[in-house]
């Protein structure tokens, strides 16, 4: 009886437009993906941690477009998430208090470096440990910039995929984060871990 009543209600709702139920469901589920990050700045010679931060990041609108393209068919030429980019922000920004990120961002304001991921790992949702045998809904993306890379007052970062390459500002942006300045010098390494949960 419960199933029959639900079916009748569904039929009534879609009588004017057979796609309306799908559209409503799609809108309800577009914000399920979320992310977090961890920044680790180290002395390149001693390996000592100089600074460490963590927080949440913003999944931007273009991420859902890339997901749809990947789901379309196996001939889609674009790939998944492949690069991490960092930047110094727009002219006039206060480096200690940059503007909050928005979901409409499609590139960094002033990208100065990007790096392909050195490690991409599934994370067990129950234990928080890496797993290499069973795919899960949590993925860690790790990239490390060497001493001479990404040198400058960094205040923004993002993940890129699709047709992203080593060229600055290339590819489809997945997420975006601004933060109080991290001053990376040529005597430091910078490791950033992005965690995406779907």
N, C-alpha and C. Protein backbone atom coordinates (compact mmCIF):
# COMPACT_ATOMS: atom_id res chain seq x y z
N UNK A 1 0.82 -1.20 0.00
CA UNK A 1 0.00 0.00 0.00
C UNK A 1 0.86 1.26 0.00
N UNK A 2 1.92 1.27 0.82
CA UNK A 2 2.78 2.45 0.89
C UNK A 2 3.46 2.68 -0.45
N UNK A 3 3.96 1.59 -1.05
CA UNK A 3 4.63 1.72 -2.34
C UNK A 3 3.66 2.22 -3.40
N UNK A 4 2.43 1.69 -3.41
CA UNK A 4 1.45 2.11 -4.41
C UNK A 4 1.10 3.59 -4.27
N UNK A 5 0.97 4.05 -3.04
CA UNK A 5 0.65 5.46 -2.82
C UNK A 5 1.80 6.36 -3.28
N UNK A 6 3.02 5.95 -2.98
CA UNK A 6 4.18 6.72 -3.43
C UNK A 6 4.25 6.76 -4.95
N UNK A 7 3.94 5.64 -5.59
CA UNK A 7 3.95 5.58 -7.04
C UNK A 7 2.91 6.51 -7.63
N UNK A 8 1.69 6.53 -7.05
CA UNK A 8 0.64 7.42 -7.54
C UNK A 8 1.05 8.88 -7.41
N UNK A 9 1.67 9.23 -6.28
CA UNK A 9 2.11 10.61 -6.08
C UNK A 9 3.17 10.99 -7.10
N UNK A 10 4.07 10.07 -7.37
CA UNK A 10 5.13 10.33 -8.33
C UNK A 10 4.57 10.54 -9.72
N UNK A 11 3.62 9.70 -10.11
CA UNK A 11 3.01 9.83 -11.43
C UNK A 11 2.31 11.16 -11.57
N UNK A 12 1.59 11.59 -10.52
CA UNK A 12 0.90 12.88 -10.58
C UNK A 12 1.90 14.03 -10.73
N UNK A 13 2.99 13.94 -10.03
CA UNK A 13 3.98 15.02 -10.06
C UNK A 13 4.65 15.17 -11.42
N UNK A 14 4.81 14.06 -12.13
CA UNK A 14 5.53 14.13 -13.40
C UNK A 14 4.60 14.14 -14.60
N UNK A 15 3.32 14.28 -14.38
CA UNK A 15 2.38 14.24 -15.51
C UNK A 15 2.61 15.37 -16.50
N UNK A 16 3.02 16.55 -16.02
CA UNK A 16 3.27 17.68 -16.91
C UNK A 16 4.64 17.61 -17.55
N UNK A 17 5.57 16.99 -16.87
CA UNK A 17 6.94 16.93 -17.40
C UNK A 17 7.60 15.66 -16.88
N UNK A 18 7.86 14.73 -17.75
CA UNK A 18 8.36 13.43 -17.33
C UNK A 18 9.77 13.52 -16.76
N UNK A 19 10.43 14.64 -16.97
CA UNK A 19 11.79 14.78 -16.46
C UNK A 19 11.86 15.56 -15.16
N UNK A 20 10.72 16.05 -14.67
CA UNK A 20 10.78 16.94 -13.51
C UNK A 20 11.31 16.23 -12.27
N UNK A 21 10.94 14.98 -12.05
CA UNK A 21 11.42 14.26 -10.87
C UNK A 21 12.93 14.12 -10.91
N UNK A 22 13.47 13.81 -12.10
CA UNK A 22 14.92 13.69 -12.24
C UNK A 22 15.61 15.01 -11.95
N UNK A 23 15.04 16.10 -12.47
CA UNK A 23 15.64 17.41 -12.26
C UNK A 23 15.67 17.77 -10.78
N UNK A 24 14.59 17.50 -10.06
CA UNK A 24 14.55 17.80 -8.64
C UNK A 24 15.58 16.97 -7.88
N UNK A 25 15.65 15.71 -8.21
CA UNK A 25 16.60 14.84 -7.53
C UNK A 25 18.03 15.29 -7.81
N UNK A 26 18.30 15.70 -9.06
CA UNK A 26 19.64 16.17 -9.42
C UNK A 26 20.02 17.39 -8.59
N UNK A 27 19.11 18.34 -8.46
CA UNK A 27 19.40 19.55 -7.70
C UNK A 27 19.64 19.23 -6.23
N UNK A 28 18.92 18.24 -5.72
CA UNK A 28 19.06 17.90 -4.30
C UNK A 28 20.42 17.30 -3.99
N UNK A 29 21.07 16.69 -4.98
CA UNK A 29 22.27 15.93 -4.70
C UNK A 29 23.56 16.57 -5.21
N UNK A 30 23.50 17.78 -5.71
CA UNK A 30 24.70 18.36 -6.30
C UNK A 30 25.73 18.80 -5.28
N UNK A 31 25.37 18.91 -4.00
CA UNK A 31 26.32 19.40 -3.01
C UNK A 31 26.87 18.30 -2.11
N UNK A 32 26.78 17.05 -2.52
CA UNK A 32 27.25 15.96 -1.69
C UNK A 32 28.77 15.89 -1.60
N UNK A 33 29.47 16.32 -2.64
CA UNK A 33 30.92 16.25 -2.65
C UNK A 33 31.48 17.39 -1.79
N UNK A 34 32.43 17.07 -0.94
CA UNK A 34 33.08 18.11 -0.15
C UNK A 34 34.55 17.75 0.05
N UNK A 35 35.32 18.73 0.51
CA UNK A 35 36.75 18.50 0.61
C UNK A 35 37.39 19.19 1.80
N UNK A 36 38.60 18.75 2.11
CA UNK A 36 39.41 19.38 3.15
C UNK A 36 40.86 19.39 2.67
N UNK A 37 41.70 20.12 3.38
CA UNK A 37 43.09 20.21 2.97
C UNK A 37 44.01 20.25 4.18
N UNK A 38 45.27 19.93 3.91
CA UNK A 38 46.33 20.02 4.92
C UNK A 38 47.57 20.57 4.23
N UNK A 39 48.15 21.64 4.79
CA UNK A 39 49.35 22.27 4.25
C UNK A 39 50.50 22.00 5.21
N UNK A 40 51.64 21.51 4.66
CA UNK A 40 52.81 21.23 5.49
C UNK A 40 54.02 21.91 4.86
N UNK A 41 54.58 22.90 5.55
CA UNK A 41 55.76 23.63 5.10
C UNK A 41 56.95 23.14 5.92
N UNK A 42 58.00 22.65 5.21
CA UNK A 42 59.16 22.07 5.91
C UNK A 42 60.46 22.75 5.52
N UNK A 43 61.41 22.73 6.44
CA UNK A 43 62.78 23.12 6.12
C UNK A 43 63.37 22.04 5.23
N UNK A 44 63.84 22.43 4.05
CA UNK A 44 64.31 21.44 3.08
C UNK A 44 65.56 20.71 3.54
N UNK A 45 66.33 21.31 4.44
CA UNK A 45 67.60 20.72 4.86
C UNK A 45 67.45 19.83 6.09
N UNK A 46 66.62 20.25 7.02
CA UNK A 46 66.47 19.47 8.26
C UNK A 46 65.23 18.57 8.25
N UNK A 47 64.26 18.91 7.41
CA UNK A 47 63.01 18.16 7.39
C UNK A 47 62.05 18.56 8.49
N UNK A 48 62.43 19.53 9.30
CA UNK A 48 61.56 19.99 10.39
C UNK A 48 60.36 20.75 9.84
N UNK A 49 59.21 20.56 10.47
CA UNK A 49 58.00 21.27 10.06
C UNK A 49 58.06 22.71 10.55
N UNK A 50 57.94 23.65 9.61
CA UNK A 50 57.95 25.07 9.93
C UNK A 50 56.53 25.55 10.24
N UNK A 51 55.59 25.07 9.44
CA UNK A 51 54.20 25.48 9.61
C UNK A 51 53.29 24.38 9.10
N UNK A 52 52.16 24.21 9.76
CA UNK A 52 51.16 23.22 9.34
C UNK A 52 49.77 23.80 9.55
N UNK A 53 48.91 23.64 8.54
CA UNK A 53 47.54 24.13 8.61
C UNK A 53 46.59 23.09 8.03
N UNK A 54 45.33 23.21 8.42
CA UNK A 54 44.30 22.38 7.81
C UNK A 54 42.95 23.09 7.86
N UNK A 55 42.06 22.70 6.97
CA UNK A 55 40.75 23.32 6.91
C UNK A 55 39.91 22.72 5.81
N UNK A 56 38.78 23.34 5.53
CA UNK A 56 37.89 22.87 4.47
C UNK A 56 38.09 23.68 3.20
N UNK A 57 37.73 23.10 2.06
CA UNK A 57 37.82 23.84 0.81
C UNK A 57 36.48 23.84 0.11
N UNK A 58 36.38 24.64 -0.94
CA UNK A 58 35.13 24.83 -1.66
C UNK A 58 35.15 24.04 -2.97
N UNK A 59 34.17 23.18 -3.18
CA UNK A 59 34.00 22.51 -4.47
C UNK A 59 33.30 23.49 -5.40
N UNK A 60 33.93 23.81 -6.52
CA UNK A 60 33.38 24.83 -7.42
C UNK A 60 32.39 24.23 -8.41
N UNK A 61 31.61 25.09 -9.06
CA UNK A 61 30.55 24.64 -9.96
C UNK A 61 31.06 23.79 -11.12
N UNK A 62 32.23 24.13 -11.64
CA UNK A 62 32.74 23.42 -12.81
C UNK A 62 33.10 21.97 -12.51
N UNK A 63 33.21 21.61 -11.23
CA UNK A 63 33.51 20.22 -10.87
C UNK A 63 32.41 19.28 -11.34
N UNK A 64 31.14 19.70 -11.19
CA UNK A 64 30.03 18.83 -11.59
C UNK A 64 30.00 18.63 -13.10
N UNK A 65 30.48 19.63 -13.85
CA UNK A 65 30.53 19.50 -15.31
C UNK A 65 31.57 18.45 -15.69
N UNK A 66 32.73 18.47 -15.03
CA UNK A 66 33.75 17.47 -15.32
C UNK A 66 33.25 16.07 -14.97
N UNK A 67 32.56 15.94 -13.83
CA UNK A 67 32.03 14.63 -13.45
C UNK A 67 31.06 14.12 -14.50
N UNK A 68 30.19 14.99 -14.98
CA UNK A 68 29.23 14.59 -16.01
C UNK A 68 29.94 14.15 -17.29
N UNK A 69 31.00 14.85 -17.65
CA UNK A 69 31.75 14.48 -18.86
C UNK A 69 32.41 13.11 -18.71
N UNK A 70 32.93 12.84 -17.52
CA UNK A 70 33.56 11.55 -17.28
C UNK A 70 32.54 10.42 -17.29
N UNK A 71 31.31 10.72 -16.87
CA UNK A 71 30.27 9.70 -16.84
C UNK A 71 29.61 9.48 -18.20
N UNK A 72 29.78 10.43 -19.09
CA UNK A 72 29.08 10.41 -20.37
C UNK A 72 29.35 9.11 -21.14
N UNK A 73 30.59 8.81 -21.42
CA UNK A 73 30.96 7.54 -22.06
C UNK A 73 32.47 7.38 -21.97
N UNK A 74 32.96 6.19 -22.31
CA UNK A 74 34.38 5.91 -22.14
C UNK A 74 35.24 6.52 -23.23
N UNK A 75 34.64 7.25 -24.15
CA UNK A 75 35.42 7.93 -25.17
C UNK A 75 35.74 9.37 -24.79
N UNK A 76 35.22 9.81 -23.65
CA UNK A 76 35.50 11.17 -23.18
C UNK A 76 37.01 11.34 -23.03
N UNK A 77 37.61 12.31 -23.70
CA UNK A 77 39.07 12.43 -23.70
C UNK A 77 39.66 13.00 -22.41
N UNK A 78 38.86 13.66 -21.59
CA UNK A 78 39.39 14.30 -20.40
C UNK A 78 39.58 13.31 -19.26
N UNK A 79 40.55 13.61 -18.40
CA UNK A 79 40.82 12.75 -17.26
C UNK A 79 40.23 13.31 -15.99
N UNK A 80 40.55 12.67 -14.87
CA UNK A 80 40.06 13.11 -13.57
C UNK A 80 40.90 14.23 -13.00
N UNK A 81 41.05 14.25 -11.67
CA UNK A 81 41.83 15.29 -11.00
C UNK A 81 43.31 14.95 -11.11
N UNK A 82 44.10 15.86 -11.67
CA UNK A 82 45.50 15.53 -11.95
C UNK A 82 46.52 16.54 -11.44
N UNK A 83 46.12 17.79 -11.20
CA UNK A 83 47.10 18.82 -10.82
C UNK A 83 46.64 19.65 -9.63
N UNK A 84 47.61 20.08 -8.84
CA UNK A 84 47.41 21.05 -7.77
C UNK A 84 48.09 22.35 -8.18
N UNK A 85 47.37 23.47 -8.08
CA UNK A 85 47.93 24.77 -8.43
C UNK A 85 47.92 25.69 -7.22
N UNK A 86 48.93 26.56 -7.14
CA UNK A 86 48.99 27.55 -6.06
C UNK A 86 49.23 28.93 -6.67
N UNK A 87 48.81 29.97 -5.95
CA UNK A 87 48.95 31.31 -6.48
C UNK A 87 49.09 32.37 -5.40
N UNK A 88 49.33 33.60 -5.87
CA UNK A 88 49.57 34.72 -4.96
C UNK A 88 48.38 35.66 -4.86
N UNK A 89 47.26 35.32 -5.51
CA UNK A 89 46.06 36.13 -5.38
C UNK A 89 46.05 37.35 -6.27
N UNK A 90 44.95 38.08 -6.23
CA UNK A 90 44.77 39.25 -7.08
C UNK A 90 45.48 40.47 -6.50
N UNK A 91 45.80 41.41 -7.38
CA UNK A 91 46.40 42.67 -6.95
C UNK A 91 45.45 43.38 -5.99
N UNK A 92 45.99 43.85 -4.89
CA UNK A 92 45.17 44.56 -3.92
C UNK A 92 44.65 43.71 -2.78
N UNK A 93 44.81 42.39 -2.89
CA UNK A 93 44.37 41.53 -1.79
C UNK A 93 45.20 41.78 -0.54
N UNK A 94 44.58 41.67 0.62
CA UNK A 94 45.29 41.66 1.88
C UNK A 94 45.81 40.24 2.10
N UNK A 95 47.13 40.02 2.06
CA UNK A 95 47.64 38.65 2.15
C UNK A 95 47.30 37.95 3.46
N UNK A 96 47.07 38.72 4.51
CA UNK A 96 46.71 38.11 5.79
C UNK A 96 45.22 37.79 5.89
N UNK A 97 44.43 38.40 5.00
CA UNK A 97 42.99 38.18 5.03
C UNK A 97 42.41 38.26 3.61
N UNK A 98 42.76 37.29 2.76
CA UNK A 98 42.25 37.31 1.38
C UNK A 98 40.75 37.06 1.34
N UNK A 99 40.08 37.43 0.25
CA UNK A 99 38.64 37.19 0.13
C UNK A 99 38.30 35.71 0.27
N UNK A 100 37.10 35.43 0.74
CA UNK A 100 36.65 34.05 0.85
C UNK A 100 36.45 33.44 -0.54
N UNK A 101 36.70 32.15 -0.70
CA UNK A 101 36.51 31.51 -2.01
C UNK A 101 35.04 31.43 -2.39
N UNK A 102 34.78 31.36 -3.69
CA UNK A 102 33.41 31.23 -4.18
C UNK A 102 33.31 30.03 -5.12
N UNK A 103 32.09 29.52 -5.30
CA UNK A 103 31.87 28.35 -6.14
C UNK A 103 31.94 28.68 -7.62
N UNK A 104 31.99 29.96 -7.97
CA UNK A 104 32.04 30.35 -9.39
C UNK A 104 33.46 30.46 -9.92
N UNK A 105 34.45 30.21 -9.07
CA UNK A 105 35.85 30.32 -9.49
C UNK A 105 36.16 29.29 -10.57
N UNK A 106 36.88 29.69 -11.63
CA UNK A 106 37.26 28.76 -12.70
C UNK A 106 38.77 28.67 -12.88
N UNK A 107 39.51 29.63 -12.36
CA UNK A 107 40.98 29.61 -12.33
C UNK A 107 41.43 30.30 -11.05
N UNK A 108 42.71 30.16 -10.74
CA UNK A 108 43.25 30.95 -9.65
C UNK A 108 43.36 32.40 -10.11
N UNK A 109 43.39 33.32 -9.17
CA UNK A 109 43.52 34.73 -9.52
C UNK A 109 44.89 35.04 -10.11
N UNK A 110 45.93 34.41 -9.55
CA UNK A 110 47.28 34.60 -10.07
C UNK A 110 48.11 33.35 -9.81
N UNK A 111 47.90 32.34 -10.64
CA UNK A 111 48.62 31.08 -10.48
C UNK A 111 50.10 31.28 -10.79
N UNK A 112 50.97 30.75 -9.91
CA UNK A 112 52.41 30.86 -10.16
C UNK A 112 53.08 29.50 -10.32
N UNK A 113 52.41 28.42 -9.90
CA UNK A 113 53.01 27.09 -10.02
C UNK A 113 51.93 26.03 -9.91
N UNK A 114 52.21 24.88 -10.52
CA UNK A 114 51.33 23.72 -10.36
C UNK A 114 52.16 22.46 -10.38
N UNK A 115 51.59 21.41 -9.84
CA UNK A 115 52.33 20.16 -9.69
C UNK A 115 51.38 18.98 -9.90
N UNK A 116 51.85 17.99 -10.65
CA UNK A 116 51.09 16.75 -10.76
C UNK A 116 51.16 16.02 -9.42
N UNK A 117 50.13 15.26 -9.11
CA UNK A 117 50.10 14.58 -7.82
C UNK A 117 51.12 13.45 -7.77
N UNK A 118 51.83 13.38 -6.64
CA UNK A 118 52.79 12.31 -6.43
C UNK A 118 52.13 11.08 -5.83
N UNK A 119 50.93 11.28 -5.26
CA UNK A 119 50.24 10.15 -4.64
C UNK A 119 48.73 10.41 -4.65
N UNK A 120 47.97 9.40 -5.04
CA UNK A 120 46.51 9.44 -4.99
C UNK A 120 46.06 8.15 -4.32
N UNK A 121 45.38 8.27 -3.18
CA UNK A 121 45.11 7.11 -2.34
C UNK A 121 43.67 7.10 -1.84
N UNK A 122 43.01 5.94 -1.92
CA UNK A 122 41.71 5.77 -1.28
C UNK A 122 41.90 5.69 0.24
N UNK A 123 40.92 6.23 0.99
CA UNK A 123 40.97 6.22 2.45
C UNK A 123 39.79 5.43 2.99
N UNK A 124 40.06 4.51 3.91
CA UNK A 124 39.00 3.73 4.56
C UNK A 124 38.16 4.67 5.43
N UNK A 125 36.85 4.79 5.17
CA UNK A 125 36.02 5.72 5.95
C UNK A 125 35.85 5.31 7.41
N UNK A 126 36.07 4.04 7.73
CA UNK A 126 35.90 3.58 9.11
C UNK A 126 37.15 3.79 9.96
N UNK A 127 38.32 3.58 9.35
CA UNK A 127 39.56 3.67 10.11
C UNK A 127 40.36 4.93 9.83
N UNK A 128 40.12 5.56 8.67
CA UNK A 128 40.92 6.72 8.28
C UNK A 128 42.26 6.35 7.70
N UNK A 129 42.49 5.05 7.52
CA UNK A 129 43.77 4.58 6.98
C UNK A 129 43.72 4.45 5.46
N UNK A 130 44.87 4.58 4.80
CA UNK A 130 44.92 4.35 3.35
C UNK A 130 44.57 2.90 3.02
N UNK A 131 43.93 2.70 1.87
CA UNK A 131 43.63 1.35 1.41
C UNK A 131 43.97 1.24 -0.06
N UNK A 132 44.66 0.18 -0.41
CA UNK A 132 45.06 -0.02 -1.81
C UNK A 132 44.27 -1.14 -2.47
N UNK A 133 43.40 -1.80 -1.71
CA UNK A 133 42.70 -2.96 -2.25
C UNK A 133 41.25 -2.69 -2.61
N UNK A 134 40.59 -1.79 -1.85
CA UNK A 134 39.17 -1.55 -2.06
C UNK A 134 38.92 -0.06 -2.29
N UNK A 135 38.33 0.32 -3.43
CA UNK A 135 37.98 1.73 -3.64
C UNK A 135 36.94 2.19 -2.62
N UNK A 136 37.04 3.44 -2.19
CA UNK A 136 36.08 4.01 -1.25
C UNK A 136 35.59 5.36 -1.79
N UNK A 137 34.78 6.05 -1.00
CA UNK A 137 34.27 7.36 -1.42
C UNK A 137 35.16 8.51 -0.95
N UNK A 138 36.34 8.19 -0.41
CA UNK A 138 37.27 9.21 0.07
C UNK A 138 38.61 9.03 -0.64
N UNK A 139 39.14 10.12 -1.21
CA UNK A 139 40.42 10.05 -1.91
C UNK A 139 41.32 11.18 -1.43
N UNK A 140 42.58 10.84 -1.11
CA UNK A 140 43.59 11.84 -0.78
C UNK A 140 44.48 12.09 -1.98
N UNK A 141 44.67 13.37 -2.33
CA UNK A 141 45.55 13.78 -3.41
C UNK A 141 46.72 14.54 -2.79
N UNK A 142 47.95 14.07 -3.04
CA UNK A 142 49.13 14.68 -2.42
C UNK A 142 50.10 15.19 -3.48
N UNK A 143 50.58 16.41 -3.29
CA UNK A 143 51.60 16.99 -4.17
C UNK A 143 52.62 17.72 -3.31
N UNK A 144 53.89 17.64 -3.70
CA UNK A 144 54.96 18.32 -2.98
C UNK A 144 55.75 19.21 -3.92
N UNK A 145 55.88 20.48 -3.55
CA UNK A 145 56.70 21.43 -4.29
C UNK A 145 58.10 21.45 -3.67
N UNK A 146 59.13 21.29 -4.52
CA UNK A 146 60.52 21.30 -4.06
C UNK A 146 60.97 22.72 -3.71
N UNK A 147 62.24 22.83 -3.28
CA UNK A 147 62.75 24.11 -2.80
C UNK A 147 62.54 25.26 -3.78
N UNK A 148 62.87 25.04 -5.04
CA UNK A 148 62.83 26.14 -6.02
C UNK A 148 61.46 26.30 -6.68
N UNK A 149 60.48 25.50 -6.28
CA UNK A 149 59.15 25.56 -6.89
C UNK A 149 58.17 26.31 -5.99
N UNK A 150 57.23 27.02 -6.62
CA UNK A 150 56.15 27.72 -5.91
C UNK A 150 56.68 28.68 -4.85
N UNK A 151 57.78 29.35 -5.16
CA UNK A 151 58.36 30.31 -4.21
C UNK A 151 57.58 31.61 -4.26
N UNK A 152 57.14 32.09 -3.10
CA UNK A 152 56.41 33.35 -3.06
C UNK A 152 55.40 33.38 -1.93
N UNK A 153 54.66 34.49 -1.81
CA UNK A 153 53.62 34.63 -0.78
C UNK A 153 52.31 34.00 -1.25
N UNK A 154 52.08 32.76 -0.91
CA UNK A 154 50.93 32.00 -1.41
C UNK A 154 49.69 32.27 -0.58
N UNK A 155 48.57 32.53 -1.28
CA UNK A 155 47.30 32.79 -0.58
C UNK A 155 46.12 32.05 -1.21
N UNK A 156 46.37 31.23 -2.25
CA UNK A 156 45.27 30.53 -2.91
C UNK A 156 45.78 29.22 -3.51
N UNK A 157 44.87 28.26 -3.65
CA UNK A 157 45.22 26.98 -4.27
C UNK A 157 43.96 26.32 -4.79
N UNK A 158 44.15 25.36 -5.70
CA UNK A 158 43.01 24.64 -6.25
C UNK A 158 43.43 23.38 -6.96
N UNK A 159 42.48 22.49 -7.16
CA UNK A 159 42.69 21.25 -7.91
C UNK A 159 42.15 21.42 -9.31
N UNK A 160 42.85 20.79 -10.28
CA UNK A 160 42.43 20.88 -11.68
C UNK A 160 42.45 19.50 -12.32
N UNK A 161 41.51 19.29 -13.25
CA UNK A 161 41.43 18.03 -13.97
C UNK A 161 41.01 18.25 -15.40
N UNK A 162 40.37 17.23 -15.98
CA UNK A 162 39.96 17.33 -17.37
C UNK A 162 41.18 17.37 -18.27
N UNK A 163 41.31 18.42 -19.07
CA UNK A 163 42.46 18.54 -19.97
C UNK A 163 43.59 19.34 -19.33
N UNK A 164 43.68 19.31 -18.00
CA UNK A 164 44.75 20.02 -17.29
C UNK A 164 46.11 19.46 -17.68
N UNK A 165 47.10 20.36 -17.75
CA UNK A 165 48.47 19.97 -18.05
C UNK A 165 49.40 20.78 -17.14
N UNK A 166 50.69 20.73 -17.43
CA UNK A 166 51.64 21.51 -16.66
C UNK A 166 51.57 23.00 -16.93
N UNK A 167 50.80 23.41 -17.94
CA UNK A 167 50.65 24.82 -18.26
C UNK A 167 49.76 25.51 -17.23
N UNK A 168 50.16 26.69 -16.79
CA UNK A 168 49.37 27.43 -15.81
C UNK A 168 47.99 27.73 -16.36
N UNK A 169 46.99 27.70 -15.50
CA UNK A 169 45.59 28.02 -15.82
C UNK A 169 44.93 27.03 -16.78
N UNK A 170 45.51 25.86 -16.99
CA UNK A 170 44.90 24.87 -17.88
C UNK A 170 43.98 23.94 -17.10
N UNK A 171 43.00 23.36 -17.82
CA UNK A 171 42.12 22.37 -17.23
C UNK A 171 40.87 22.93 -16.58
N UNK A 172 40.09 22.01 -16.03
CA UNK A 172 38.83 22.35 -15.34
C UNK A 172 39.07 22.39 -13.85
N UNK A 173 38.69 23.48 -13.21
CA UNK A 173 38.90 23.62 -11.77
C UNK A 173 37.88 22.78 -11.00
N UNK A 174 38.37 22.09 -9.97
CA UNK A 174 37.53 21.22 -9.15
C UNK A 174 37.18 21.89 -7.82
N UNK A 175 38.17 22.45 -7.18
CA UNK A 175 37.90 23.16 -5.92
C UNK A 175 38.84 24.34 -5.77
N UNK A 176 38.61 25.13 -4.72
CA UNK A 176 39.35 26.38 -4.55
C UNK A 176 39.41 26.72 -3.07
N UNK A 177 40.55 27.30 -2.68
CA UNK A 177 40.70 27.72 -1.29
C UNK A 177 41.62 28.93 -1.22
N UNK A 178 41.20 29.94 -0.46
CA UNK A 178 42.09 31.04 -0.11
C UNK A 178 42.45 30.90 1.37
N UNK A 179 43.58 31.48 1.76
CA UNK A 179 44.06 31.32 3.13
C UNK A 179 45.06 32.43 3.45
N UNK A 180 45.26 32.75 4.74
CA UNK A 180 46.29 33.72 5.12
C UNK A 180 47.65 33.28 4.58
N UNK A 181 48.45 34.23 4.19
CA UNK A 181 49.66 33.98 3.41
C UNK A 181 50.58 32.91 4.01
N UNK A 182 51.07 32.05 3.14
CA UNK A 182 52.13 31.10 3.44
C UNK A 182 53.35 31.56 2.64
N UNK A 183 54.37 32.01 3.33
CA UNK A 183 55.57 32.53 2.66
C UNK A 183 56.56 31.40 2.42
N UNK A 184 56.52 30.85 1.20
CA UNK A 184 57.43 29.76 0.86
C UNK A 184 58.70 30.34 0.26
N UNK A 185 59.84 29.91 0.79
CA UNK A 185 61.13 30.35 0.27
C UNK A 185 61.82 29.20 -0.43
N UNK A 186 62.99 29.48 -1.01
CA UNK A 186 63.74 28.45 -1.74
C UNK A 186 64.49 27.50 -0.81
N UNK A 187 64.31 27.65 0.49
CA UNK A 187 64.90 26.71 1.44
C UNK A 187 63.84 25.81 2.07
N UNK A 188 62.64 25.83 1.49
CA UNK A 188 61.52 25.06 2.05
C UNK A 188 60.90 24.15 1.01
N UNK A 189 60.27 23.08 1.49
CA UNK A 189 59.39 22.27 0.65
C UNK A 189 57.95 22.48 1.13
N UNK A 190 57.03 22.31 0.21
CA UNK A 190 55.61 22.52 0.53
C UNK A 190 54.81 21.30 0.09
N UNK A 191 54.20 20.62 1.03
CA UNK A 191 53.34 19.47 0.73
C UNK A 191 51.90 19.86 1.04
N UNK A 192 51.02 19.59 0.07
CA UNK A 192 49.59 19.86 0.26
C UNK A 192 48.82 18.58 0.00
N UNK A 193 47.95 18.23 0.93
CA UNK A 193 47.09 17.05 0.79
C UNK A 193 45.65 17.53 0.72
N UNK A 194 45.01 17.23 -0.39
CA UNK A 194 43.59 17.52 -0.55
C UNK A 194 42.81 16.22 -0.37
N UNK A 195 41.78 16.25 0.47
CA UNK A 195 40.91 15.08 0.64
C UNK A 195 39.54 15.40 0.06
N UNK A 196 39.09 14.57 -0.87
CA UNK A 196 37.77 14.73 -1.49
C UNK A 196 36.88 13.58 -1.02
N UNK A 197 35.71 13.91 -0.50
CA UNK A 197 34.74 12.91 -0.04
C UNK A 197 33.46 13.08 -0.83
N UNK A 198 32.95 11.98 -1.39
CA UNK A 198 31.72 12.05 -2.19
C UNK A 198 30.62 11.21 -1.56
